[in-house]
PDB file of N, CA and C in Angstrom:
ATOM      1  N   UNK A   1     -18.271  10.598  16.673  1.00  0.00           N
ATOM      2  CA  UNK A   1     -18.210   9.691  15.543  1.00  0.00           C
ATOM      3  C   UNK A   1     -16.776   9.201  15.399  1.00  0.00           C
ATOM      4  N   UNK A   2     -16.582   7.905  15.340  1.00  0.00           N
ATOM      5  CA  UNK A   2     -15.240   7.347  15.171  1.00  0.00           C
ATOM      6  C   UNK A   2     -14.878   7.323  13.690  1.00  0.00           C
ATOM      7  N   UNK A   3     -13.579   7.245  13.422  1.00  0.00           N
ATOM      8  CA  UNK A   3     -13.113   7.196  12.032  1.00  0.00           C
ATOM      9  C   UNK A   3     -13.691   5.992  11.307  1.00  0.00           C
ATOM     10  N   UNK A   4     -13.946   4.904  12.036  1.00  0.00           N
ATOM     11  CA  UNK A   4     -14.475   3.701  11.422  1.00  0.00           C
ATOM     12  C   UNK A   4     -15.912   3.820  10.982  1.00  0.00           C
ATOM     13  N   UNK A   5     -16.649   4.788  11.527  1.00  0.00           N
ATOM     14  CA  UNK A   5     -18.062   4.905  11.177  1.00  0.00           C
ATOM     15  C   UNK A   5     -18.326   6.049  10.203  1.00  0.00           C
ATOM     16  N   UNK A   6     -17.298   6.756   9.774  1.00  0.00           N
ATOM     17  CA  UNK A   6     -17.459   7.861   8.836  1.00  0.00           C
ATOM     18  C   UNK A   6     -17.802   7.300   7.462  1.00  0.00           C
ATOM     19  N   UNK A   7     -18.899   7.758   6.884  1.00  0.00           N
ATOM     20  CA  UNK A   7     -19.343   7.223   5.592  1.00  0.00           C
ATOM     21  C   UNK A   7     -19.406   8.295   4.511  1.00  0.00           C
ATOM     22  N   UNK A   8     -18.608   9.333   4.666  1.00  0.00           N
ATOM     23  CA  UNK A   8     -18.571  10.378   3.659  1.00  0.00           C
ATOM     24  C   UNK A   8     -19.268  11.647   4.063  1.00  0.00           C
ATOM     25  N   UNK A   9     -20.010  11.620   5.152  1.00  0.00           N
ATOM     26  CA  UNK A   9     -20.730  12.820   5.583  1.00  0.00           C
ATOM     27  C   UNK A   9     -19.772  13.905   6.064  1.00  0.00           C
ATOM     28  N   UNK A  10     -18.693  13.512   6.693  1.00  0.00           N
ATOM     29  CA  UNK A  10     -17.731  14.471   7.218  1.00  0.00           C
ATOM     30  C   UNK A  10     -16.665  14.799   6.186  1.00  0.00           C
ATOM     31  N   UNK A  11     -16.081  13.772   5.575  1.00  0.00           N
ATOM     32  CA  UNK A  11     -14.956  13.995   4.653  1.00  0.00           C
ATOM     33  C   UNK A  11     -15.384  14.300   3.228  1.00  0.00           C
ATOM     34  N   UNK A  12     -16.578  13.899   2.867  1.00  0.00           N
ATOM     35  CA  UNK A  12     -17.023  14.056   1.489  1.00  0.00           C
ATOM     36  C   UNK A  12     -16.530  12.935   0.590  1.00  0.00           C
ATOM     37  N   UNK A  13     -15.893  11.939   1.171  1.00  0.00           N
ATOM     38  CA  UNK A  13     -15.379  10.802   0.421  1.00  0.00           C
ATOM     39  C   UNK A  13     -16.030   9.532   0.934  1.00  0.00           C
ATOM     40  N   UNK A  14     -16.721   8.822   0.077  1.00  0.00           N
ATOM     41  CA  UNK A  14     -17.397   7.596   0.492  1.00  0.00           C
ATOM     42  C   UNK A  14     -16.384   6.548   0.920  1.00  0.00           C
ATOM     43  N   UNK A  15     -16.811   5.671   1.808  1.00  0.00           N
ATOM     44  CA  UNK A  15     -15.927   4.632   2.329  1.00  0.00           C
ATOM     45  C   UNK A  15     -15.237   3.853   1.224  1.00  0.00           C
ATOM     46  N   UNK A  16     -15.981   3.430   0.215  1.00  0.00           N
ATOM     47  CA  UNK A  16     -15.383   2.587  -0.821  1.00  0.00           C
ATOM     48  C   UNK A  16     -14.274   3.322  -1.558  1.00  0.00           C
ATOM     49  N   UNK A  17     -14.421   4.613  -1.786  1.00  0.00           N
ATOM     50  CA  UNK A  17     -13.369   5.390  -2.439  1.00  0.00           C
ATOM     51  C   UNK A  17     -12.193   5.613  -1.490  1.00  0.00           C
ATOM     52  N   UNK A  18     -12.506   5.955  -0.266  1.00  0.00           N
ATOM     53  CA  UNK A  18     -11.467   6.135   0.732  1.00  0.00           C
ATOM     54  C   UNK A  18     -10.673   4.852   0.913  1.00  0.00           C
ATOM     55  N   UNK A  19     -11.354   3.718   0.906  1.00  0.00           N
ATOM     56  CA  UNK A  19     -10.685   2.432   1.099  1.00  0.00           C
ATOM     57  C   UNK A  19      -9.658   2.165   0.000  1.00  0.00           C
ATOM     58  N   UNK A  20      -9.975   2.535  -1.236  1.00  0.00           N
ATOM     59  CA  UNK A  20      -9.015   2.357  -2.333  1.00  0.00           C
ATOM     60  C   UNK A  20      -7.809   3.263  -2.110  1.00  0.00           C
ATOM     61  N   UNK A  21      -8.065   4.495  -1.718  1.00  0.00           N
ATOM     62  CA  UNK A  21      -6.970   5.431  -1.444  1.00  0.00           C
ATOM     63  C   UNK A  21      -6.102   4.896  -0.316  1.00  0.00           C
ATOM     64  N   UNK A  22      -6.723   4.447   0.759  1.00  0.00           N
ATOM     65  CA  UNK A  22      -5.998   3.916   1.912  1.00  0.00           C
ATOM     66  C   UNK A  22      -5.168   2.702   1.508  1.00  0.00           C
ATOM     67  N   UNK A  23      -5.781   1.771   0.785  1.00  0.00           N
ATOM     68  CA  UNK A  23      -5.094   0.556   0.354  1.00  0.00           C
ATOM     69  C   UNK A  23      -3.857   0.896  -0.473  1.00  0.00           C
ATOM     70  N   UNK A  24      -4.017   1.806  -1.412  1.00  0.00           N
ATOM     71  CA  UNK A  24      -2.910   2.186  -2.283  1.00  0.00           C
ATOM     72  C   UNK A  24      -1.783   2.825  -1.478  1.00  0.00           C
ATOM     73  N   UNK A  25      -2.134   3.700  -0.567  1.00  0.00           N
ATOM     74  CA  UNK A  25      -1.126   4.351   0.269  1.00  0.00           C
ATOM     75  C   UNK A  25      -0.391   3.335   1.131  1.00  0.00           C
ATOM     76  N   UNK A  26      -1.102   2.382   1.681  1.00  0.00           N
ATOM     77  CA  UNK A  26      -0.475   1.360   2.513  1.00  0.00           C
ATOM     78  C   UNK A  26       0.468   0.484   1.701  1.00  0.00           C
ATOM     79  N   UNK A  27       0.072   0.136   0.490  1.00  0.00           N
ATOM     80  CA  UNK A  27       0.955  -0.650  -0.374  1.00  0.00           C
ATOM     81  C   UNK A  27       2.236   0.118  -0.675  1.00  0.00           C
ATOM     82  N   UNK A  28       2.108   1.397  -1.012  1.00  0.00           N
ATOM     83  CA  UNK A  28       3.282   2.211  -1.303  1.00  0.00           C
ATOM     84  C   UNK A  28       4.167   2.357  -0.069  1.00  0.00           C
ATOM     85  N   UNK A  29       3.561   2.524   1.072  1.00  0.00           N
ATOM     86  CA  UNK A  29       4.302   2.607   2.332  1.00  0.00           C
ATOM     87  C   UNK A  29       5.058   1.311   2.595  1.00  0.00           C
ATOM     88  N   UNK A  30       4.408   0.184   2.323  1.00  0.00           N
ATOM     89  CA  UNK A  30       5.063  -1.116   2.501  1.00  0.00           C
ATOM     90  C   UNK A  30       6.262  -1.264   1.578  1.00  0.00           C
ATOM     91  N   UNK A  31       6.146  -0.789   0.340  1.00  0.00           N
ATOM     92  CA  UNK A  31       7.271  -0.872  -0.595  1.00  0.00           C
ATOM     93  C   UNK A  31       8.488  -0.156   0.003  1.00  0.00           C
ATOM     94  N   UNK A  32       8.263   1.021   0.547  1.00  0.00           N
ATOM     95  CA  UNK A  32       9.364   1.775   1.151  1.00  0.00           C
ATOM     96  C   UNK A  32       9.919   1.076   2.389  1.00  0.00           C
ATOM     97  N   UNK A  33       9.049   0.607   3.244  1.00  0.00           N
ATOM     98  CA  UNK A  33       9.466  -0.066   4.479  1.00  0.00           C
ATOM     99  C   UNK A  33      10.238  -1.350   4.153  1.00  0.00           C
ATOM    100  N   UNK A  34       9.753  -2.109   3.187  1.00  0.00           N
ATOM    101  CA  UNK A  34      10.401  -3.360   2.831  1.00  0.00           C
ATOM    102  C   UNK A  34      11.765  -3.136   2.182  1.00  0.00           C
ATOM    103  N   UNK A  35      11.963  -1.992   1.553  1.00  0.00           N
ATOM    104  CA  UNK A  35      13.286  -1.648   1.028  1.00  0.00           C
ATOM    105  C   UNK A  35      14.283  -1.548   2.189  1.00  0.00           C
ATOM    106  N   UNK A  36      13.850  -0.926   3.250  1.00  0.00           N
ATOM    107  CA  UNK A  36      14.697  -0.809   4.443  1.00  0.00           C
ATOM    108  C   UNK A  36      14.980  -2.186   5.047  1.00  0.00           C
ATOM    109  N   UNK A  37      13.945  -3.006   5.158  1.00  0.00           N
ATOM    110  CA  UNK A  37      14.112  -4.333   5.744  1.00  0.00           C
ATOM    111  C   UNK A  37      15.058  -5.202   4.906  1.00  0.00           C
ATOM    112  N   UNK A  38      14.910  -5.143   3.596  1.00  0.00           N
ATOM    113  CA  UNK A  38      15.780  -5.916   2.714  1.00  0.00           C
ATOM    114  C   UNK A  38      17.223  -5.431   2.843  1.00  0.00           C
ATOM    115  N   UNK A  39      17.397  -4.126   2.914  1.00  0.00           N
ATOM    116  CA  UNK A  39      18.737  -3.572   3.090  1.00  0.00           C
ATOM    117  C   UNK A  39      19.361  -4.007   4.406  1.00  0.00           C
ATOM    118  N   UNK A  40      18.565  -4.024   5.469  1.00  0.00           N
ATOM    119  CA  UNK A  40      19.052  -4.501   6.768  1.00  0.00           C
ATOM    120  C   UNK A  40      19.527  -5.943   6.659  1.00  0.00           C
ATOM    121  N   UNK A  41      18.730  -6.782   6.011  1.00  0.00           N
ATOM    122  CA  UNK A  41      19.084  -8.196   5.859  1.00  0.00           C
ATOM    123  C   UNK A  41      20.360  -8.339   5.030  1.00  0.00           C
ATOM    124  N   UNK A  42      20.461  -7.561   3.956  1.00  0.00           N
ATOM    125  CA  UNK A  42      21.654  -7.624   3.108  1.00  0.00           C
ATOM    126  C   UNK A  42      22.906  -7.214   3.873  1.00  0.00           C
ATOM    127  N   UNK A  43      22.801  -6.167   4.686  1.00  0.00           N
ATOM    128  CA  UNK A  43      23.943  -5.728   5.475  1.00  0.00           C
ATOM    129  C   UNK A  43      24.391  -6.789   6.472  1.00  0.00           C
ATOM    130  N   UNK A  44      23.445  -7.607   6.909  1.00  0.00           N
ATOM    131  CA  UNK A  44      23.767  -8.694   7.836  1.00  0.00           C
ATOM    132  C   UNK A  44      24.178  -9.980   7.112  1.00  0.00           C
ATOM    133  N   UNK A  45      24.190  -9.924   5.773  1.00  0.00           N
ATOM    134  CA  UNK A  45      24.595 -11.088   4.991  1.00  0.00           C
ATOM    135  C   UNK A  45      23.532 -12.169   4.885  1.00  0.00           C
ATOM    136  N   UNK A  46      22.281 -11.826   5.160  1.00  0.00           N
ATOM    137  CA  UNK A  46      21.189 -12.810   5.115  1.00  0.00           C
ATOM    138  C   UNK A  46      20.442 -12.668   3.792  1.00  0.00           C
ATOM    139  N   UNK A  47      20.982 -13.308   2.767  1.00  0.00           N
ATOM    140  CA  UNK A  47      20.400 -13.192   1.428  1.00  0.00           C
ATOM    141  C   UNK A  47      19.008 -13.808   1.341  1.00  0.00           C
ATOM    142  N   UNK A  48      18.769 -14.870   2.088  1.00  0.00           N
ATOM    143  CA  UNK A  48      17.454 -15.511   2.064  1.00  0.00           C
ATOM    144  C   UNK A  48      16.380 -14.548   2.574  1.00  0.00           C
ATOM    145  N   UNK A  49      16.668 -13.875   3.678  1.00  0.00           N
ATOM    146  CA  UNK A  49      15.704 -12.924   4.236  1.00  0.00           C
ATOM    147  C   UNK A  49      15.546 -11.709   3.328  1.00  0.00           C
ATOM    148  N   UNK A  50      16.650 -11.248   2.765  1.00  0.00           N
ATOM    149  CA  UNK A  50      16.571 -10.110   1.840  1.00  0.00           C
ATOM    150  C   UNK A  50      15.684 -10.457   0.648  1.00  0.00           C
ATOM    151  N   UNK A  51      15.841 -11.650   0.109  1.00  0.00           N
ATOM    152  CA  UNK A  51      15.012 -12.095  -1.017  1.00  0.00           C
ATOM    153  C   UNK A  51      13.543 -12.171  -0.618  1.00  0.00           C
ATOM    154  N   UNK A  52      13.295 -12.664   0.581  1.00  0.00           N
ATOM    155  CA  UNK A  52      11.920 -12.733   1.102  1.00  0.00           C
ATOM    156  C   UNK A  52      11.287 -11.343   1.120  1.00  0.00           C
ATOM    157  N   UNK A  53      12.029 -10.356   1.648  1.00  0.00           N
ATOM    158  CA  UNK A  53      11.502  -8.995   1.697  1.00  0.00           C
ATOM    159  C   UNK A  53      11.348  -8.408   0.297  1.00  0.00           C
ATOM    160  N   UNK A  54      12.242  -8.730  -0.612  1.00  0.00           N
ATOM    161  CA  UNK A  54      12.124  -8.231  -1.991  1.00  0.00           C
ATOM    162  C   UNK A  54      10.883  -8.814  -2.689  1.00  0.00           C
ATOM    163  N   UNK A  55      10.596 -10.072  -2.418  1.00  0.00           N
ATOM    164  CA  UNK A  55       9.386 -10.675  -2.994  1.00  0.00           C
ATOM    165  C   UNK A  55       8.135 -10.008  -2.421  1.00  0.00           C
ATOM    166  N   UNK A  56       8.138  -9.778  -1.122  1.00  0.00           N
ATOM    167  CA  UNK A  56       7.005  -9.098  -0.491  1.00  0.00           C
ATOM    168  C   UNK A  56       6.872  -7.681  -1.038  1.00  0.00           C
ATOM    169  N   UNK A  57       8.005  -7.049  -1.288  1.00  0.00           N
ATOM    170  CA  UNK A  57       8.006  -5.703  -1.851  1.00  0.00           C
ATOM    171  C   UNK A  57       7.357  -5.711  -3.236  1.00  0.00           C
ATOM    172  N   UNK A  58       7.665  -6.721  -4.024  1.00  0.00           N
ATOM    173  CA  UNK A  58       7.059  -6.842  -5.345  1.00  0.00           C
ATOM    174  C   UNK A  58       5.551  -6.990  -5.268  1.00  0.00           C
ATOM    175  N   UNK A  59       5.079  -7.760  -4.294  1.00  0.00           N
ATOM    176  CA  UNK A  59       3.635  -7.932  -4.120  1.00  0.00           C
ATOM    177  C   UNK A  59       2.988  -6.616  -3.712  1.00  0.00           C
ATOM    178  N   UNK A  60       3.641  -5.877  -2.835  1.00  0.00           N
ATOM    179  CA  UNK A  60       3.095  -4.578  -2.415  1.00  0.00           C
ATOM    180  C   UNK A  60       3.099  -3.590  -3.571  1.00  0.00           C
ATOM    181  N   UNK A  61       4.159  -3.631  -4.372  1.00  0.00           N
ATOM    182  CA  UNK A  61       4.230  -2.745  -5.537  1.00  0.00           C
ATOM    183  C   UNK A  61       3.093  -3.066  -6.513  1.00  0.00           C
ATOM    184  N   UNK A  62       2.840  -4.355  -6.714  1.00  0.00           N
ATOM    185  CA  UNK A  62       1.744  -4.768  -7.600  1.00  0.00           C
ATOM    186  C   UNK A  62       0.398  -4.286  -7.041  1.00  0.00           C
ATOM    187  N   UNK A  63       0.201  -4.429  -5.750  1.00  0.00           N
ATOM    188  CA  UNK A  63      -1.030  -3.948  -5.126  1.00  0.00           C
ATOM    189  C   UNK A  63      -1.202  -2.452  -5.301  1.00  0.00           C
ATOM    190  N   UNK A  64      -0.110  -1.704  -5.164  1.00  0.00           N
ATOM    191  CA  UNK A  64      -0.178  -0.252  -5.346  1.00  0.00           C
ATOM    192  C   UNK A  64      -0.561   0.098  -6.772  1.00  0.00           C
ATOM    193  N   UNK A  65       0.031  -0.594  -7.729  1.00  0.00           N
ATOM    194  CA  UNK A  65      -0.297  -0.335  -9.136  1.00  0.00           C
ATOM    195  C   UNK A  65      -1.762  -0.656  -9.424  1.00  0.00           C
ATOM    196  N   UNK A  66      -2.240  -1.747  -8.879  1.00  0.00           N
ATOM    197  CA  UNK A  66      -3.650  -2.108  -9.069  1.00  0.00           C
ATOM    198  C   UNK A  66      -4.563  -1.089  -8.401  1.00  0.00           C
ATOM    199  N   UNK A  67      -4.186  -0.634  -7.213  1.00  0.00           N
ATOM    200  CA  UNK A  67      -4.977   0.374  -6.515  1.00  0.00           C
ATOM    201  C   UNK A  67      -5.019   1.684  -7.283  1.00  0.00           C
ATOM    202  N   UNK A  68      -3.864   2.101  -7.819  1.00  0.00           N
ATOM    203  CA  UNK A  68      -3.828   3.337  -8.601  1.00  0.00           C
ATOM    204  C   UNK A  68      -4.691   3.219  -9.843  1.00  0.00           C
ATOM    205  N   UNK A  69      -4.642   2.066 -10.501  1.00  0.00           N
ATOM    206  CA  UNK A  69      -5.457   1.863 -11.698  1.00  0.00           C
ATOM    207  C   UNK A  69      -6.943   1.897 -11.360  1.00  0.00           C
ATOM    208  N   UNK A  70      -7.307   1.234 -10.275  1.00  0.00           N
ATOM    209  CA  UNK A  70      -8.711   1.209  -9.853  1.00  0.00           C
ATOM    210  C   UNK A  70      -9.182   2.611  -9.491  1.00  0.00           C
ATOM    211  N   UNK A  71      -8.363   3.332  -8.763  1.00  0.00           N
ATOM    212  CA  UNK A  71      -8.719   4.685  -8.362  1.00  0.00           C
ATOM    213  C   UNK A  71      -8.848   5.594  -9.581  1.00  0.00           C
ATOM    214  N   UNK A  72      -7.889   5.490 -10.508  1.00  0.00           N
ATOM    215  CA  UNK A  72      -7.947   6.302 -11.710  1.00  0.00           C
ATOM    216  C   UNK A  72      -9.188   6.047 -12.534  1.00  0.00           C
ATOM    217  N   UNK A  73      -9.559   4.787 -12.644  1.00  0.00           N
ATOM    218  CA  UNK A  73     -10.750   4.418 -13.413  1.00  0.00           C
ATOM    219  C   UNK A  73     -12.001   4.995 -12.760  1.00  0.00           C
ATOM    220  N   UNK A  74     -12.064   4.952 -11.465  1.00  0.00           N
ATOM    221  CA  UNK A  74     -13.264   5.407 -10.759  1.00  0.00           C
ATOM    222  C   UNK A  74     -13.354   6.925 -10.686  1.00  0.00           C
ATOM    223  N   UNK A  75     -12.217   7.597 -10.616  1.00  0.00           N
ATOM    224  CA  UNK A  75     -12.229   9.051 -10.558  1.00  0.00           C
ATOM    225  C   UNK A  75     -12.583   9.640 -11.921  1.00  0.00           C
ATOM    226  N   UNK A  76     -12.039   9.048 -12.983  1.00  0.00           N
ATOM    227  CA  UNK A  76     -12.283   9.578 -14.321  1.00  0.00           C
ATOM    228  C   UNK A  76     -13.622   9.144 -14.901  1.00  0.00           C
ATOM    229  N   UNK A  77     -14.214   8.106 -14.303  1.00  0.00           N
ATOM    230  CA  UNK A  77     -15.418   7.564 -14.904  1.00  0.00           C
ATOM    231  C   UNK A  77     -16.630   7.879 -14.140  1.00  0.00           C
TER     232      UNK A  77
END
């Protein structure tokens, strides 16, 4: 059985719940990665690129917050 076909029988977590967890983790990971990328751009004096990464970081942070809220609502409800 591949990871893509697991529907909760092995892990005990249904795909839709796992997908929210995965999405949230990826958004948080992106926030951290984009901090590094923005810092790299700043060190090179490329303010335009640093701003681009900071904007993307904000979008990832927003996605993480939405994912956490969705997950919290579904776990508690």
